[in-house]
């Protein structure tokens, strides 16, 4: 699985087809330490040299050559945040309750007879 995912990602990098979904799926298919080595193999050594974590690599930080053939709409905020470590939510929920937004219902079709409104035609 890792070998095939690596080959696909390398091909996407060469063709400039690395979008948000591609980056998410390669993270799912490859262990984190191999993901950074794979990026280095494809020509992006910065995260490996800086000792960064695999989840810290963002789509907008990748070289333009990796994303040159991706539609602009697929580059905007399509990347999941699920790969960042979860922050402890106990401290934020301790003293505060989150306020729920009220449900606003749109009025349906109103049908009113003239005698109901008191306006005679």
Foldseek 3Di string as FASTA:
>chain_A
DLVVLLVVLLVLLQQQNDFQVNLVVNPVNHPFVVQQVSLVVSPDNVCVVVVHTSLVDDPVPRDNSNHVPPDPVRRPPPHDNVSDDDDDCCVVPPPDDDDDDDDDDDDDDDDDDCVRVVHDD
